N, C-alpha and C. Protein backbone atom coordinates (compact mmCIF):
# COMPACT_ATOMS: atom_id res chain seq x y z
N MET A 1 51.62 91.86 41.56
CA MET A 1 51.99 92.16 42.78
C MET A 1 50.80 92.35 43.62
N ALA A 2 50.89 91.98 44.90
CA ALA A 2 49.85 92.00 45.85
C ALA A 2 49.56 93.62 46.10
N LYS A 3 48.32 93.96 46.43
CA LYS A 3 48.06 95.23 46.74
C LYS A 3 49.16 95.92 47.68
N SER A 4 49.30 95.17 48.79
CA SER A 4 50.10 95.56 49.89
C SER A 4 51.42 96.09 49.26
N GLY A 5 52.01 95.25 48.27
CA GLY A 5 53.27 95.66 47.58
C GLY A 5 53.21 96.88 46.76
N ASN A 6 52.16 96.97 46.12
CA ASN A 6 51.79 98.27 45.38
C ASN A 6 51.75 99.41 46.30
N ARG A 7 51.00 99.29 47.34
CA ARG A 7 50.98 100.36 48.46
C ARG A 7 52.34 100.79 48.89
N GLN A 8 53.14 99.79 49.12
CA GLN A 8 54.55 100.18 49.58
C GLN A 8 55.39 101.06 48.55
N ILE A 9 55.25 100.44 47.32
CA ILE A 9 55.94 101.19 46.20
C ILE A 9 55.36 102.64 46.14
N GLU A 10 53.93 102.71 46.18
CA GLU A 10 53.44 104.13 45.98
C GLU A 10 53.77 104.98 47.18
N ALA A 11 53.94 104.34 48.41
CA ALA A 11 54.35 105.17 49.50
C ALA A 11 55.79 105.76 49.33
N ARG A 12 56.64 104.86 48.76
CA ARG A 12 57.94 105.30 48.51
C ARG A 12 57.91 106.48 47.56
N VAL A 13 57.27 106.32 46.39
CA VAL A 13 57.06 107.33 45.50
C VAL A 13 56.58 108.58 45.91
N ASN A 14 55.54 108.57 46.79
CA ASN A 14 55.05 109.66 47.41
C ASN A 14 56.14 110.47 48.28
N ARG A 15 56.87 109.66 49.03
CA ARG A 15 57.86 110.23 50.03
C ARG A 15 58.86 110.87 49.15
N ILE A 16 59.33 110.31 47.98
CA ILE A 16 60.34 111.00 47.15
C ILE A 16 59.74 112.26 46.52
N ALA A 17 58.50 112.19 46.19
CA ALA A 17 57.88 113.41 45.56
C ALA A 17 57.86 114.59 46.66
N GLY A 18 57.60 114.10 47.87
CA GLY A 18 57.59 115.14 48.78
C GLY A 18 59.00 115.74 49.12
N GLN A 19 59.92 114.76 49.01
CA GLN A 19 61.40 115.35 49.22
C GLN A 19 61.79 116.34 48.22
N ILE A 20 61.36 115.92 46.85
CA ILE A 20 61.68 116.89 45.82
C ILE A 20 61.03 118.17 45.87
N SER A 21 59.73 118.17 46.30
CA SER A 21 59.12 119.44 46.49
C SER A 21 59.88 120.22 47.80
N GLY A 22 60.27 119.57 48.76
CA GLY A 22 61.06 120.21 49.82
C GLY A 22 62.30 120.87 49.24
N ILE A 23 62.97 120.16 48.23
CA ILE A 23 64.12 120.87 47.69
C ILE A 23 63.78 122.09 46.83
N GLY A 24 62.76 121.96 46.24
CA GLY A 24 62.18 123.27 45.48
C GLY A 24 61.94 124.31 46.44
N ARG A 25 61.34 124.06 47.52
CA ARG A 25 61.15 125.14 48.53
C ARG A 25 62.38 125.71 49.01
N MET A 26 63.26 124.81 49.32
CA MET A 26 64.64 125.15 49.97
C MET A 26 65.41 126.15 48.98
N VAL A 27 65.27 125.77 47.61
CA VAL A 27 65.78 126.68 46.60
C VAL A 27 65.13 127.98 46.56
N ASP A 28 63.86 127.93 46.60
CA ASP A 28 62.91 129.24 46.56
C ASP A 28 63.41 130.12 47.83
N GLU A 29 63.59 129.40 48.98
CA GLU A 29 63.89 130.15 50.14
C GLU A 29 65.33 130.69 50.23
N GLY A 30 66.21 130.24 49.36
CA GLY A 30 67.39 130.57 49.32
C GLY A 30 68.22 130.01 50.50
N ARG A 31 68.04 128.69 50.73
CA ARG A 31 68.64 127.88 51.89
C ARG A 31 70.10 127.65 51.51
N TYR A 32 70.72 127.29 52.61
CA TYR A 32 72.22 127.07 52.30
C TYR A 32 72.51 125.87 51.32
N CYS A 33 73.46 126.02 50.50
CA CYS A 33 73.67 125.13 49.45
C CYS A 33 73.93 123.72 49.94
N ILE A 34 74.72 123.76 50.96
CA ILE A 34 75.10 122.39 51.59
C ILE A 34 73.89 121.64 51.99
N ASP A 35 72.90 122.29 52.76
CA ASP A 35 71.64 121.82 53.14
C ASP A 35 70.94 121.26 51.86
N ILE A 36 70.72 122.02 50.75
CA ILE A 36 70.18 121.46 49.74
C ILE A 36 70.81 120.33 49.10
N LEU A 37 72.02 120.22 49.08
CA LEU A 37 72.85 119.10 48.45
C LEU A 37 72.63 117.89 49.36
N ASN A 38 72.58 118.00 50.67
CA ASN A 38 72.27 116.89 51.47
C ASN A 38 70.76 116.38 51.21
N GLN A 39 69.91 117.16 51.02
CA GLN A 39 68.56 116.62 50.56
C GLN A 39 68.51 116.00 49.26
N ILE A 40 69.45 116.58 48.28
CA ILE A 40 69.55 115.83 46.95
C ILE A 40 70.21 114.44 47.21
N ALA A 41 71.08 114.40 48.00
CA ALA A 41 71.71 113.09 48.42
C ALA A 41 70.70 112.04 48.95
N ALA A 42 69.73 112.50 49.83
CA ALA A 42 68.76 111.77 50.50
C ALA A 42 67.82 111.20 49.42
N VAL A 43 67.54 112.18 48.41
CA VAL A 43 66.52 111.80 47.34
C VAL A 43 67.19 110.64 46.47
N ARG A 44 68.35 110.96 46.11
CA ARG A 44 69.20 109.92 45.45
C ARG A 44 69.08 108.50 46.04
N SER A 45 69.29 108.55 47.32
CA SER A 45 69.36 107.28 48.15
C SER A 45 68.03 106.62 48.13
N ALA A 46 66.97 107.53 48.20
CA ALA A 46 65.51 107.04 48.17
C ALA A 46 65.35 106.30 46.85
N LEU A 47 65.70 107.06 45.72
CA LEU A 47 65.44 106.60 44.46
C LEU A 47 66.12 105.25 44.14
N ASP A 48 67.37 105.01 44.78
CA ASP A 48 68.07 103.82 44.59
C ASP A 48 67.27 102.77 45.28
N ALA A 49 66.75 102.97 46.49
CA ALA A 49 66.10 102.00 47.29
C ALA A 49 64.81 101.61 46.50
N LEU A 50 64.03 102.54 45.82
CA LEU A 50 62.83 102.38 45.03
C LEU A 50 63.19 101.44 43.83
N GLY A 51 64.36 101.75 43.17
CA GLY A 51 64.82 100.98 42.06
C GLY A 51 65.06 99.47 42.56
N VAL A 52 65.74 99.23 43.59
CA VAL A 52 65.96 97.85 44.05
C VAL A 52 64.73 97.16 44.43
N ALA A 53 63.75 97.88 45.02
CA ALA A 53 62.35 97.38 45.26
C ALA A 53 61.72 96.78 43.97
N LEU A 54 61.70 97.67 42.95
CA LEU A 54 61.12 97.39 41.61
C LEU A 54 61.86 96.30 40.95
N LEU A 55 63.15 96.42 41.02
CA LEU A 55 63.87 95.33 40.31
C LEU A 55 63.68 94.02 41.07
N THR A 56 63.62 93.87 42.29
CA THR A 56 63.20 92.67 43.09
C THR A 56 61.98 92.19 42.63
N ARG A 57 61.03 93.10 42.60
CA ARG A 57 59.65 92.67 42.23
C ARG A 57 59.58 92.16 40.82
N HIS A 58 60.39 92.73 39.91
CA HIS A 58 60.38 92.22 38.50
C HIS A 58 60.85 90.93 38.44
N LEU A 59 62.03 90.67 39.18
CA LEU A 59 62.69 89.44 39.13
C LEU A 59 61.69 88.30 39.78
N GLU A 60 60.92 88.73 40.79
CA GLU A 60 60.04 87.64 41.41
C GLU A 60 58.85 87.46 40.62
N GLN A 61 58.17 88.44 40.07
CA GLN A 61 57.01 88.28 39.41
C GLN A 61 57.05 88.00 37.88
N CYS A 62 58.20 88.49 37.39
CA CYS A 62 58.22 88.40 35.76
C CYS A 62 59.25 87.49 35.23
N VAL A 63 60.30 87.24 36.11
CA VAL A 63 61.40 86.41 35.65
C VAL A 63 61.27 84.97 36.28
N LEU A 64 61.27 84.91 37.66
CA LEU A 64 61.11 83.70 38.37
C LEU A 64 59.88 82.95 38.02
N ALA A 65 58.71 83.72 38.05
CA ALA A 65 57.41 83.16 37.79
C ALA A 65 57.04 82.93 36.38
N HIS A 66 58.03 83.41 35.47
CA HIS A 66 57.79 83.20 33.99
C HIS A 66 57.32 81.87 33.73
N GLY A 67 56.27 81.79 33.00
CA GLY A 67 55.66 80.42 32.39
C GLY A 67 55.08 79.59 33.51
N THR A 68 54.90 80.11 34.70
CA THR A 68 54.27 79.25 35.91
C THR A 68 52.70 79.46 35.92
N GLY A 69 52.32 80.51 35.30
CA GLY A 69 50.87 80.85 35.32
C GLY A 69 50.67 81.93 36.53
N SER A 70 51.62 82.00 37.28
CA SER A 70 51.49 83.01 38.44
C SER A 70 52.34 84.28 38.31
N GLU A 71 52.81 84.52 37.06
CA GLU A 71 53.57 85.75 36.72
C GLU A 71 52.56 86.93 36.80
N HIS A 72 53.26 88.04 36.82
CA HIS A 72 52.52 89.39 36.80
C HIS A 72 51.55 89.52 35.61
N ASP A 73 50.45 90.06 35.87
CA ASP A 73 49.41 90.15 34.68
C ASP A 73 49.92 90.82 33.53
N THR A 74 50.85 91.75 33.68
CA THR A 74 51.41 92.46 32.46
C THR A 74 52.91 91.98 32.02
N ALA A 75 53.20 90.91 32.65
CA ALA A 75 54.49 90.28 32.11
C ALA A 75 54.42 89.84 30.65
N ARG A 76 55.44 90.22 29.86
CA ARG A 76 55.45 89.85 28.48
C ARG A 76 55.98 88.47 28.23
N ALA A 77 55.34 87.85 27.21
CA ALA A 77 55.86 86.51 26.91
C ALA A 77 57.20 86.66 26.18
N MET A 78 58.18 85.94 26.85
CA MET A 78 59.75 86.03 26.36
C MET A 78 60.26 84.70 26.57
N SER A 79 61.43 84.55 25.69
CA SER A 79 62.19 83.42 26.18
C SER A 79 63.09 83.68 27.19
N GLN A 80 63.73 82.63 27.61
CA GLN A 80 64.71 82.90 28.75
C GLN A 80 65.71 83.87 28.33
N GLN A 81 66.21 83.70 27.04
CA GLN A 81 67.22 84.70 26.54
C GLN A 81 66.83 86.16 26.55
N GLU A 82 65.62 86.34 26.10
CA GLU A 82 65.03 87.68 26.15
C GLU A 82 64.73 88.15 27.47
N LEU A 83 64.37 87.30 28.50
CA LEU A 83 64.29 87.89 29.83
C LEU A 83 65.62 88.25 30.42
N LEU A 84 66.58 87.26 30.16
CA LEU A 84 67.96 87.63 30.62
C LEU A 84 68.48 88.95 29.98
N ALA A 85 68.28 89.17 28.72
CA ALA A 85 68.69 90.52 27.99
C ALA A 85 67.88 91.69 28.72
N GLU A 86 66.58 91.45 29.01
CA GLU A 86 65.86 92.52 29.59
C GLU A 86 66.40 92.97 30.96
N VAL A 87 66.77 91.88 31.66
CA VAL A 87 67.23 92.36 33.03
C VAL A 87 68.62 92.88 32.99
N GLN A 88 69.42 92.38 32.07
CA GLN A 88 70.84 92.94 31.79
C GLN A 88 70.62 94.51 31.49
N THR A 89 69.69 94.73 30.54
CA THR A 89 69.48 96.08 30.16
C THR A 89 69.13 97.01 31.28
N ALA A 90 68.05 96.38 32.25
CA ALA A 90 67.55 97.20 33.35
C ALA A 90 68.70 97.48 34.19
N LEU A 91 69.56 96.53 34.52
CA LEU A 91 70.61 96.64 35.43
C LEU A 91 71.67 97.65 34.86
N THR A 92 72.08 97.47 33.67
CA THR A 92 72.91 98.55 33.06
C THR A 92 72.41 99.94 33.31
N ARG A 93 71.11 100.22 32.93
CA ARG A 93 70.74 101.53 33.13
C ARG A 93 70.48 101.97 34.62
N PHE A 94 70.29 100.98 35.55
CA PHE A 94 69.97 101.34 36.75
C PHE A 94 71.39 101.68 37.62
N LEU A 95 72.43 100.95 36.99
CA LEU A 95 73.67 101.19 37.85
C LEU A 95 74.50 102.21 37.26
N ARG A 96 74.14 102.98 36.38
CA ARG A 96 74.79 104.12 35.72
C ARG A 96 74.96 105.08 36.76
């Protein structure tokens, strides 16, 4: 992935880490439970968006580019069936 793509992913991860730290502070401060639950919902939404971004990147760079010479540097050599099984497993875990 291009460096700008990595920076976008890293920025999302950093925002999520900040949100989680904020939840910890809210708990320490004894904040209202509903406010904490709202922040947890926001983190879950942010994690879902991160997962979609990573899955899209995987499909673009590791699945669609497979065998073209332009795939991601760390893409594993796999058959089409193995790639499909990998994506199916990832989707199954992600959608739980």
